[in-house]
Structures are given as C-alpha cells and as structure tokens.
Amino acid sequence: MDKDLISLLNDREQTLEKAFQYLDKFKQELQSVKRELIQEKNSLNNALKQIHLMTRERSQMKKSLQLMRESLGQNITGFERLLSTLIRTRIDENRGHGDRVAHIAGFIAKQFNFDEKKLEDLRKAAMLHEVGLLFMPGLALEKEEKDLTDYENNIWIQYPVKGADLLKECQGFEDCARMIRFLNENSDGTGFPDGLKKRRIPLASRILAGADAFDRLKDTPEVNSLEALLAALERVSGSRLDPVIVGWLEKYAVLHMGSDAYRVRGVGVEQLEPGMKLGTALFTTTGTKLFSVDTELTRETIDKIIQYHREYPVDETVYIKA
C-alpha cells in the first residue's frame, strides 16, 4: 500500500478519534447541564410552592386583619355610644349638646378643609368632650358656678384634661383626646392647662371650644334673639375664643338660625355699597376684626375693606342684612 495512503488513513483515524473524544465530552457536559436544569426546575417548583403558600397565608392574614378592623371599629363605636349615654344620663344640661357641638364644629372644620379622618376625630371629640365631667361629684353638677367649692371649681376647669387622659388610653380615640385636652385654653392665654395663646392652641381645639361656647351661649337667658347671640359671641372674641372661629360661628348662626326677622345675603367685596348693613362681623383671614355686626357701610368703610382685602384678604362672602 502506498505510504501516502497509509499516512492519510492514519490522519483520518486520529481525527475520528478526537471527534469521538469531543462527542463523549460534549455528551458528559450535556448530562451535567441536564442535571443542573433538573435541579433548577425542582428549585423553581419549590419556590412556586412557597410563593403559593405565602400568597394563601397573606390572603388569610388580610381577611383576619379586615375582621380585626371591623371588630375594632365596632368596639370604638360601641365605646363612644357607651360614654355618650353616660354623659347624657349624668349631665342633665347635655340634652343633645354633643350632637349640636358636632354639627357646628363640622361646619367650621369644613371651611378649613379638614380631611375625613380629622372630621371624624372632631365629631368624636364633640360627642365626648364632657366625659371629664363624669369625675365631678354629683351635686356639683347642679350648682351655679359661683357656688362651687375650690375643689369642684378645679375639677370644672380641668375636666377636659381628665377626659383626654381617659380617652388617650383607648385605641381609636387618641387624636380626639388631643383635641379635647385644650378645650379650656383661651385665645388670650388665660386658659388651662398650659396657658396657650392664639394659634398656639391647636386649630381643632379652637373649633371645638367655639362650637361648645356657641351652643351654651344660645341657651342663656339673656340671649333671646339672633342679634343677642351675635353680640354675645363678639364679647368673647379675642379673649375666650379665636376671632377667626367667632367669624365662622356668626356665619353659622345667620345661615342656620336666621328667620324672616333676620335675613342675610352674601355678596363679594366688590359688590359692597354704601348703606348696606353687615349681617355678621367682618374679619380678615388672619383674624383681625374690621367691623362689628350691624355696622352700616359708608364709602370710607368700604374703601378700608378693599384696602385690607388687597393685603390681608377678608372672607370671600360678606353677609349683608337683606
């Protein structure tokens, strides 16, 4: 046989041998990859099982949480009703006082764009703001303020704090407790418990104090007309109550308690004319009182209102006697 042919056959045989070696190596690598894929598949299946289990547990937890929230809501509502009933039963003067305070406070709070959560907390605070009076000795509730002993008078002054201390320990009432705590703070800084002044008193507490004072004032013997109520409110403006809140209380009064004998209409600052009479006191948005109720407008007073309105805006609607 020719040497060249023999050499060629040897080369081909070596090439085939290498090819088979490569094939064997590739086969081994494929088997290794297959084993790894099987392991990854098993791991993925286990992970999917875990995810499914976690999803199911999460769904169960979500349902349990919802049930807990509903239960808590029912407990909060029940507790509120219980305390409200105790207040109405114990305090003869209440007679729906909490409901009326809640309505007035809600009207004012909406002017300040309170969100739903804060409105609800304010409503609860209005319904329960007298809970601290449950600590008052029974006979003391029937006495005139001038006849109270020092001990009874101290409880009367501090009852919002006592009520707040009770409510802040009850889940769901923490925020309304903070509102109640500062109920007896005065705008001029002479109140209790901390002697806070003006805007250092939380807004919700200022609103609550205004609504409470409004409902009490309108039932006093000397307040026998809407005009008398407006005058009584102005007497406590800047001392007991925030003037800004007084302004909204006066608007509430003429809008909700007006009659044919006392009717008002709303106009813009640019529509004011000499000869008009203010149906409520006029304040700037910063609380500066410009004119009292019943003020008859002149060109001079209108110019003053316009001048203030440019720098310290007055309310968008001015109530004029119709």
Protein backbone atom coordinates (compact mmCIF):
# COMPACT_ATOMS: atom_id res chain seq x y z
CA MET A 1 0.00 0.00 0.00
CA ASP A 2 1.20 3.43 -0.85
CA LYS A 3 2.81 5.28 2.09
CA ASP A 4 0.83 8.41 1.38
CA LEU A 5 -2.42 6.47 1.55
CA ILE A 6 -1.40 4.86 4.82
CA SER A 7 -0.49 8.29 6.26
CA LEU A 8 -3.84 9.69 5.12
CA LEU A 9 -5.73 6.82 6.75
CA ASN A 10 -3.80 7.32 9.99
CA ASP A 11 -4.61 11.04 9.99
CA ARG A 12 -8.31 10.32 9.44
CA GLU A 13 -8.28 7.72 12.19
CA GLN A 14 -6.74 10.23 14.59
CA THR A 15 -9.26 12.86 13.54
CA LEU A 16 -12.13 10.44 14.14
CA GLU A 17 -10.65 9.52 17.50
CA LYS A 18 -10.54 13.19 18.51
CA ALA A 19 -14.07 13.70 17.22
CA PHE A 20 -15.32 10.79 19.32
CA GLN A 21 -13.49 12.22 22.31
CA TYR A 22 -15.14 15.62 21.76
CA LEU A 23 -18.51 13.91 21.37
CA ASP A 24 -18.02 12.00 24.62
CA LYS A 25 -17.01 15.22 26.38
CA PHE A 26 -19.99 17.09 24.91
CA LYS A 27 -22.29 14.26 25.98
CA GLN A 28 -20.95 14.48 29.51
CA GLU A 29 -21.42 18.25 29.51
CA LEU A 30 -24.99 17.84 28.23
CA GLN A 31 -25.72 15.36 31.02
CA SER A 32 -24.26 17.79 33.54
CA VAL A 33 -26.39 20.66 32.15
CA LYS A 34 -29.43 18.35 32.20
CA ARG A 35 -28.82 17.54 35.86
CA GLU A 36 -28.42 21.25 36.65
CA LEU A 37 -31.64 22.07 34.77
CA ILE A 38 -33.48 19.39 36.69
CA GLN A 39 -32.15 20.83 39.94
CA GLU A 40 -33.18 24.36 38.89
CA LYS A 41 -36.60 23.06 37.84
CA ASN A 42 -37.03 21.43 41.24
CA SER A 43 -35.87 24.62 42.96
CA LEU A 44 -38.28 26.67 40.86
CA ASN A 45 -41.14 24.32 41.68
CA ASN A 46 -40.28 24.58 45.37
CA ALA A 47 -40.13 28.38 45.08
CA LEU A 48 -43.52 28.44 43.33
CA LYS A 49 -44.95 26.27 46.08
CA GLN A 50 -43.55 28.66 48.67
CA ILE A 51 -44.97 31.67 46.81
CA HIS A 52 -48.36 29.98 46.56
CA LEU A 53 -48.23 29.17 50.27
CA MET A 54 -47.19 32.75 51.13
CA THR A 55 -49.96 34.16 48.90
CA ARG A 56 -52.53 31.98 50.63
CA GLU A 57 -51.20 32.97 54.06
CA ARG A 58 -51.21 36.64 53.02
CA SER A 59 -54.81 36.32 51.86
CA GLN A 60 -55.76 34.73 55.18
CA MET A 61 -53.88 37.44 57.09
CA LYS A 62 -55.64 40.11 55.03
CA LYS A 63 -59.03 38.60 55.88
CA SER A 64 -58.05 38.36 59.55
CA LEU A 65 -56.85 41.98 59.52
CA GLN A 66 -60.11 43.11 57.94
CA LEU A 67 -62.08 41.24 60.59
CA MET A 68 -59.93 42.84 63.29
CA ARG A 69 -60.52 46.29 61.80
CA GLU A 70 -64.26 45.70 61.66
CA SER A 71 -64.21 44.43 65.23
CA LEU A 72 -62.13 47.42 66.36
CA GLY A 73 -64.49 49.78 64.54
CA GLN A 74 -67.46 48.18 66.25
CA ASN A 75 -65.71 48.39 69.62
CA ILE A 76 -64.84 52.07 69.05
CA THR A 77 -68.43 52.85 68.05
CA GLY A 78 -69.78 50.89 71.00
CA PHE A 79 -67.42 52.60 73.44
CA GLU A 80 -68.35 56.01 72.06
CA ARG A 81 -72.07 55.24 72.44
CA LEU A 82 -71.50 54.00 75.97
CA LEU A 83 -69.68 57.17 77.02
CA SER A 84 -72.19 59.40 75.21
CA THR A 85 -75.04 57.68 77.02
CA LEU A 86 -73.26 58.11 80.37
CA ILE A 87 -72.74 61.81 79.65
CA ARG A 88 -76.36 62.36 78.64
CA THR A 89 -77.60 60.42 81.66
CA ARG A 90 -75.28 62.05 84.21
CA ILE A 91 -75.33 65.64 82.95
CA ASP A 92 -78.86 66.98 82.80
CA GLU A 93 -77.85 70.06 80.84
CA ASN A 94 -76.49 67.95 77.99
CA ARG A 95 -79.74 67.10 76.20
CA GLY A 96 -78.17 66.67 72.79
CA HIS A 97 -75.36 69.15 73.45
CA GLY A 98 -72.74 66.80 71.98
CA ASP A 99 -74.70 66.33 68.74
CA ARG A 100 -75.16 70.08 68.31
CA VAL A 101 -71.49 70.80 69.04
CA ALA A 102 -70.53 68.13 66.49
CA HIS A 103 -72.72 69.77 63.83
CA ILE A 104 -71.35 73.26 64.47
CA ALA A 105 -67.73 72.07 64.67
CA GLY A 106 -68.14 70.07 61.46
CA PHE A 107 -69.46 73.15 59.63
CA ILE A 108 -66.43 75.21 60.65
CA ALA A 109 -63.87 72.43 60.11
CA LYS A 110 -65.00 72.02 56.51
CA GLN A 111 -64.11 75.67 55.90
CA PHE A 112 -60.55 74.73 56.84
CA ASN A 113 -60.57 71.66 54.54
CA PHE A 114 -60.24 69.02 57.25
CA ASP A 115 -59.92 65.55 55.72
CA GLU A 116 -62.40 62.76 56.50
CA LYS A 117 -60.23 61.26 59.25
CA LYS A 118 -59.84 64.57 61.07
CA LEU A 119 -63.54 65.38 60.65
CA GLU A 120 -64.43 62.04 62.24
CA ASP A 121 -61.99 62.62 65.12
CA LEU A 122 -63.50 66.08 65.65
CA ARG A 123 -67.01 64.60 65.65
CA LYS A 124 -65.99 62.08 68.33
CA ALA A 125 -64.33 64.85 70.33
CA ALA A 126 -67.53 66.91 70.16
CA MET A 127 -69.64 63.97 71.32
CA LEU A 128 -67.27 63.13 74.18
CA HIS A 129 -65.78 66.49 75.21
CA GLU A 130 -67.70 66.41 78.52
CA VAL A 131 -66.51 62.95 79.54
CA GLY A 132 -64.24 64.52 82.16
CA LEU A 133 -67.33 65.83 83.96
CA LEU A 134 -68.13 62.25 84.92
CA PHE A 135 -65.43 62.72 87.59
CA MET A 136 -67.37 65.64 89.07
CA PRO A 137 -69.24 64.95 92.33
CA GLY A 138 -72.94 64.55 91.56
CA LEU A 139 -74.28 67.54 93.50
CA ALA A 140 -71.65 69.85 91.99
CA LEU A 141 -73.20 69.42 88.54
CA GLU A 142 -76.37 71.05 89.84
CA LYS A 143 -74.64 74.09 91.35
CA GLU A 144 -74.19 77.52 89.85
CA GLU A 145 -70.58 78.35 89.02
CA LYS A 146 -70.38 80.90 91.87
CA ASP A 147 -71.45 78.23 94.40
CA LEU A 148 -68.73 75.70 93.53
CA THR A 149 -66.11 74.83 96.15
CA ASP A 150 -62.44 75.30 95.26
CA TYR A 151 -62.14 71.55 94.71
CA GLU A 152 -65.22 71.45 92.47
CA ASN A 153 -64.13 74.53 90.58
CA ASN A 154 -60.71 72.97 89.96
CA ILE A 155 -62.35 69.85 88.52
CA TRP A 156 -64.57 72.03 86.34
CA ILE A 157 -61.56 73.87 84.96
CA GLN A 158 -59.56 70.71 84.42
CA TYR A 159 -62.31 68.37 83.17
CA PRO A 160 -61.10 68.45 79.52
CA VAL A 161 -57.68 67.25 80.66
CA LYS A 162 -59.19 64.48 82.78
CA GLY A 163 -61.37 63.41 79.87
CA ALA A 164 -58.43 63.49 77.46
CA ASP A 165 -56.31 61.41 79.84
CA LEU A 166 -59.05 58.78 79.89
CA LEU A 167 -59.62 58.72 76.13
CA LYS A 168 -55.95 58.69 75.08
CA GLU A 169 -55.62 55.24 76.67
CA CYS A 170 -58.41 53.90 74.42
CA GLN A 171 -57.40 52.73 70.96
CA GLY A 172 -59.07 54.81 68.26
CA PHE A 173 -59.57 57.86 70.49
CA GLU A 174 -56.01 59.20 70.72
CA ASP A 175 -56.48 62.06 68.23
CA CYS A 176 -59.82 63.20 69.60
CA ALA A 177 -58.28 63.15 73.10
CA ARG A 178 -55.67 65.69 71.94
CA MET A 179 -58.45 67.93 70.63
CA ILE A 180 -60.38 67.77 73.92
CA ARG A 181 -57.32 68.41 76.12
CA PHE A 182 -57.07 72.06 75.05
CA LEU A 183 -60.80 72.83 75.20
CA ASN A 184 -60.39 75.29 78.10
CA GLU A 185 -57.44 77.17 76.60
CA ASN A 186 -58.34 80.83 75.94
CA SER A 187 -57.29 82.82 72.91
CA ASP A 188 -55.74 85.49 75.16
CA GLY A 189 -53.57 82.96 77.00
CA THR A 190 -55.51 82.93 80.30
CA GLY A 191 -56.87 79.38 79.93
CA PHE A 192 -55.94 75.91 81.14
CA PRO A 193 -53.99 73.67 81.31
CA ASP A 194 -51.00 75.28 79.60
CA GLY A 195 -51.98 78.92 79.09
CA LEU A 196 -51.56 78.61 75.33
CA LYS A 197 -52.34 81.69 73.28
CA LYS A 198 -53.97 82.29 69.92
CA ARG A 199 -52.63 79.99 67.21
CA ARG A 200 -50.52 78.00 69.63
CA ILE A 201 -53.80 76.34 70.54
CA PRO A 202 -54.43 73.52 68.01
CA LEU A 203 -56.96 74.55 65.36
CA ALA A 204 -59.27 71.59 66.05
CA SER A 205 -59.35 72.55 69.75
CA ARG A 206 -60.17 76.17 68.87
CA ILE A 207 -63.02 74.98 66.67
CA LEU A 208 -64.29 72.63 69.38
CA ALA A 209 -64.15 75.39 72.01
CA GLY A 210 -66.06 77.75 69.70
CA ALA A 211 -68.78 75.20 68.95
CA ASP A 212 -69.13 74.37 72.66
CA ALA A 213 -69.33 78.04 73.67
CA PHE A 214 -71.82 78.79 70.88
CA ASP A 215 -74.23 76.08 71.98
CA ARG A 216 -74.02 77.17 75.62
CA LEU A 217 -74.41 80.88 74.84
CA LYS A 218 -77.55 80.46 72.78
CA ASP A 219 -79.31 78.82 75.74
CA THR A 220 -78.51 81.51 78.29
CA PRO A 221 -81.48 83.65 79.47
CA GLU A 222 -80.04 86.95 78.21
CA VAL A 223 -79.54 85.59 74.68
CA ASN A 224 -83.12 85.74 73.44
CA SER A 225 -82.55 86.65 69.80
CA LEU A 226 -80.10 86.14 66.99
CA GLU A 227 -78.83 89.70 67.42
CA ALA A 228 -78.16 89.00 71.11
CA LEU A 229 -76.30 85.81 70.23
CA LEU A 230 -74.08 87.63 67.73
CA ALA A 231 -73.36 90.32 70.31
CA ALA A 232 -72.53 87.67 72.94
CA LEU A 233 -70.11 85.98 70.53
CA GLU A 234 -68.33 89.25 69.82
CA ARG A 235 -67.86 89.86 73.54
CA VAL A 236 -65.77 86.69 73.84
CA SER A 237 -63.89 87.20 70.57
CA GLY A 238 -60.16 87.53 71.20
CA SER A 239 -60.48 86.60 74.88
CA ARG A 240 -62.17 83.21 75.22
CA LEU A 241 -62.38 82.41 71.52
CA ASP A 242 -60.23 82.82 68.43
CA PRO A 243 -61.65 85.75 66.39
CA VAL A 244 -61.40 83.71 63.18
CA ILE A 245 -63.57 81.00 64.73
CA VAL A 246 -66.00 83.63 66.01
CA GLY A 247 -66.36 84.89 62.45
CA TRP A 248 -67.41 81.43 61.28
CA LEU A 249 -69.70 80.97 64.28
CA GLU A 250 -71.53 84.15 63.33
CA LYS A 251 -71.91 82.87 59.79
CA TYR A 252 -73.23 79.58 61.12
CA ALA A 253 -75.73 81.49 63.24
CA VAL A 254 -77.18 83.59 60.42
CA LEU A 255 -77.19 80.67 57.96
CA HIS A 256 -78.76 78.10 60.28
CA MET A 257 -80.75 80.20 62.74
CA GLY A 258 -81.87 83.13 60.64
CA SER A 259 -85.57 83.86 60.14
CA ASP A 260 -87.79 86.33 58.31
CA ALA A 261 -86.93 88.78 61.06
CA TYR A 262 -83.21 88.35 60.43
CA ARG A 263 -82.28 87.51 56.87
CA VAL A 264 -78.91 87.94 55.20
CA ARG A 265 -77.49 87.60 51.73
CA GLY A 266 -73.92 87.01 50.66
CA VAL A 267 -72.04 89.42 48.41
CA GLY A 268 -68.46 89.80 47.29
CA VAL A 269 -66.21 92.65 48.47
CA GLU A 270 -66.52 94.30 45.06
CA GLN A 271 -70.33 94.34 45.42
CA LEU A 272 -70.43 96.31 48.68
CA GLU A 273 -72.32 99.58 48.52
CA PRO A 274 -72.86 102.46 50.94
CA GLY A 275 -75.95 101.99 53.10
CA MET A 276 -75.59 98.22 53.44
CA LYS A 277 -75.52 96.76 56.98
CA LEU A 278 -73.26 93.90 58.00
CA GLY A 279 -75.19 90.77 58.98
CA THR A 280 -72.13 89.33 60.74
CA ALA A 281 -68.88 90.83 61.98
CA LEU A 282 -66.23 91.16 59.30
CA PHE A 283 -62.79 89.67 59.87
CA THR A 284 -59.68 89.29 57.76
CA THR A 285 -58.45 85.74 57.19
CA THR A 286 -55.71 86.42 59.77
CA GLY A 287 -58.34 87.12 62.44
CA THR A 288 -58.27 90.93 62.52
CA LYS A 289 -61.73 92.27 63.22
CA LEU A 290 -62.62 95.10 60.85
CA PHE A 291 -66.23 95.86 61.71
CA SER A 292 -68.93 94.58 64.06
CA VAL A 293 -72.30 93.17 63.10
CA ASP A 294 -74.86 95.87 62.24
CA THR A 295 -72.17 98.27 61.01
CA GLU A 296 -73.64 100.47 58.30
CA LEU A 297 -71.21 100.71 55.42
CA THR A 298 -70.07 104.05 54.07
CA ARG A 299 -67.75 104.81 51.18
CA GLU A 300 -64.96 105.25 53.73
CA THR A 301 -65.56 101.88 55.39
CA ILE A 302 -65.85 100.12 52.01
CA ASP A 303 -62.53 101.65 50.89
CA LYS A 304 -60.96 100.38 54.12
CA ILE A 305 -62.33 96.88 53.49
CA ILE A 306 -60.98 96.92 49.92
CA GLN A 307 -57.59 98.15 51.15
CA TYR A 308 -57.37 95.34 53.72
CA HIS A 309 -58.61 92.82 51.19
CA ARG A 310 -55.62 93.53 48.96
CA GLU A 311 -53.10 92.75 51.70
CA TYR A 312 -54.94 90.59 54.25
CA PRO A 313 -57.94 89.09 52.42
CA VAL A 314 -61.33 89.14 54.04
CA ASP A 315 -63.74 86.25 53.59
CA GLU A 316 -64.85 85.66 50.01
CA THR A 317 -68.51 86.16 51.04
CA VAL A 318 -69.60 89.17 53.10
CA TYR A 319 -73.01 88.70 54.74
CA ILE A 320 -75.27 91.72 54.42
CA LYS A 321 -78.64 92.19 56.08
CA ALA A 322 -81.32 91.62 53.47
